[in-house]
């Protein structure tokens, strides 16, 4: 599934979050990542929701959980 992401989020903060997740994946060899959206700021064609927030949860093999919540 996909959801619209504003360019300023995609090119800045979200890019940094994804770089961090890749770094952790290389460091630990295996991590779990959950990415999703919540809320709504409207819809685009075909009634596709524009999410208000994006989140990413990174679960490390050590049991540590790192989470991010970013406004769209």
C-alpha atoms as a PDB file:
ATOM      1  CA  UNK A   1       0.000   0.000   0.000  1.00  0.00           C
ATOM      2  CA  UNK A   2       1.052   3.576  -0.544  1.00  0.00           C
ATOM      3  CA  UNK A   3      -0.060   6.931   0.823  1.00  0.00           C
ATOM      4  CA  UNK A   4       0.675  10.465  -0.382  1.00  0.00           C
ATOM      5  CA  UNK A   5       3.566  12.168   1.369  1.00  0.00           C
ATOM      6  CA  UNK A   6       4.262  15.870   1.029  1.00  0.00           C
ATOM      7  CA  UNK A   7       7.562  16.514  -0.798  1.00  0.00           C
ATOM      8  CA  UNK A   8       9.042  18.590   2.036  1.00  0.00           C
ATOM      9  CA  UNK A   9       8.570  15.659   4.446  1.00  0.00           C
ATOM     10  CA  UNK A  10       9.779  13.051   1.963  1.00  0.00           C
ATOM     11  CA  UNK A  11      12.946  14.933   1.036  1.00  0.00           C
ATOM     12  CA  UNK A  12      13.943  16.055   4.515  1.00  0.00           C
ATOM     13  CA  UNK A  13      12.860  14.495   7.810  1.00  0.00           C
ATOM     14  CA  UNK A  14      11.512  11.223   6.392  1.00  0.00           C
ATOM     15  CA  UNK A  15      14.681  10.708   4.342  1.00  0.00           C
ATOM     16  CA  UNK A  16      16.736  11.067   7.559  1.00  0.00           C
ATOM     17  CA  UNK A  17      14.484   8.599   9.394  1.00  0.00           C
ATOM     18  CA  UNK A  18      14.824   6.047   6.590  1.00  0.00           C
ATOM     19  CA  UNK A  19      18.618   6.519   6.517  1.00  0.00           C
ATOM     20  CA  UNK A  20      18.691   5.875  10.257  1.00  0.00           C
ATOM     21  CA  UNK A  21      16.601   2.697   9.849  1.00  0.00           C
ATOM     22  CA  UNK A  22      19.005   1.418   7.167  1.00  0.00           C
ATOM     23  CA  UNK A  23      21.980   2.201   9.417  1.00  0.00           C
ATOM     24  CA  UNK A  24      20.424   0.203  12.265  1.00  0.00           C
ATOM     25  CA  UNK A  25      19.641  -2.679   9.884  1.00  0.00           C
ATOM     26  CA  UNK A  26      23.275  -2.873   8.794  1.00  0.00           C
ATOM     27  CA  UNK A  27      24.503  -2.537  12.374  1.00  0.00           C
ATOM     28  CA  UNK A  28      22.266  -5.277  13.814  1.00  0.00           C
ATOM     29  CA  UNK A  29      21.910  -7.414  10.659  1.00  0.00           C
ATOM     30  CA  UNK A  30      18.191  -7.843  11.379  1.00  0.00           C
ATOM     31  CA  UNK A  31      15.589  -5.419  12.679  1.00  0.00           C
ATOM     32  CA  UNK A  32      11.826  -5.113  12.492  1.00  0.00           C
ATOM     33  CA  UNK A  33      10.272  -1.971  11.049  1.00  0.00           C
ATOM     34  CA  UNK A  34       6.641  -0.910  11.101  1.00  0.00           C
ATOM     35  CA  UNK A  35       5.631   2.103   9.013  1.00  0.00           C
ATOM     36  CA  UNK A  36       2.195   3.607   8.752  1.00  0.00           C
ATOM     37  CA  UNK A  37      -0.049   6.633   8.698  1.00  0.00           C
ATOM     38  CA  UNK A  38      -2.791   8.077  10.863  1.00  0.00           C
ATOM     39  CA  UNK A  39      -5.282  10.884  10.618  1.00  0.00           C
ATOM     40  CA  UNK A  40      -6.405  12.714   7.517  1.00  0.00           C
ATOM     41  CA  UNK A  41      -5.957  16.154   6.002  1.00  0.00           C
ATOM     42  CA  UNK A  42      -8.183  15.405   3.036  1.00  0.00           C
ATOM     43  CA  UNK A  43      -8.338  13.253  -0.061  1.00  0.00           C
ATOM     44  CA  UNK A  44      -6.974  13.276  -3.591  1.00  0.00           C
ATOM     45  CA  UNK A  45      -8.492  11.697  -6.688  1.00  0.00           C
ATOM     46  CA  UNK A  46     -10.056   8.244  -6.335  1.00  0.00           C
ATOM     47  CA  UNK A  47     -10.772   9.092  -2.670  1.00  0.00           C
ATOM     48  CA  UNK A  48      -7.165   8.349  -1.596  1.00  0.00           C
ATOM     49  CA  UNK A  49      -6.546   9.631   1.958  1.00  0.00           C
ATOM     50  CA  UNK A  50      -3.809  12.205   2.564  1.00  0.00           C
ATOM     51  CA  UNK A  51      -2.477  11.242   5.996  1.00  0.00           C
ATOM     52  CA  UNK A  52      -1.967  13.834   8.722  1.00  0.00           C
ATOM     53  CA  UNK A  53       0.889  11.870  10.329  1.00  0.00           C
ATOM     54  CA  UNK A  54       3.475   9.250   9.339  1.00  0.00           C
ATOM     55  CA  UNK A  55       5.056   6.925  11.881  1.00  0.00           C
ATOM     56  CA  UNK A  56       7.935   4.490  11.870  1.00  0.00           C
ATOM     57  CA  UNK A  57       8.695   2.031  14.664  1.00  0.00           C
ATOM     58  CA  UNK A  58      12.061   0.259  14.704  1.00  0.00           C
ATOM     59  CA  UNK A  59      12.442  -2.806  16.899  1.00  0.00           C
ATOM     60  CA  UNK A  60      16.038  -3.835  17.528  1.00  0.00           C
ATOM     61  CA  UNK A  61      17.116  -7.378  18.433  1.00  0.00           C
ATOM     62  CA  UNK A  62      18.233  -5.994  21.815  1.00  0.00           C
ATOM     63  CA  UNK A  63      14.575  -5.299  22.645  1.00  0.00           C
ATOM     64  CA  UNK A  64      14.994  -1.531  22.268  1.00  0.00           C
ATOM     65  CA  UNK A  65      12.190   0.199  20.397  1.00  0.00           C
ATOM     66  CA  UNK A  66      12.721   3.485  18.556  1.00  0.00           C
ATOM     67  CA  UNK A  67       9.724   5.362  17.218  1.00  0.00           C
ATOM     68  CA  UNK A  68       9.143   8.432  15.089  1.00  0.00           C
ATOM     69  CA  UNK A  69       5.981  10.450  14.450  1.00  0.00           C
ATOM     70  CA  UNK A  70       6.186  13.062  11.685  1.00  0.00           C
ATOM     71  CA  UNK A  71       3.554  15.518  10.488  1.00  0.00           C
ATOM     72  CA  UNK A  72       2.756  15.279   6.790  1.00  0.00           C
END
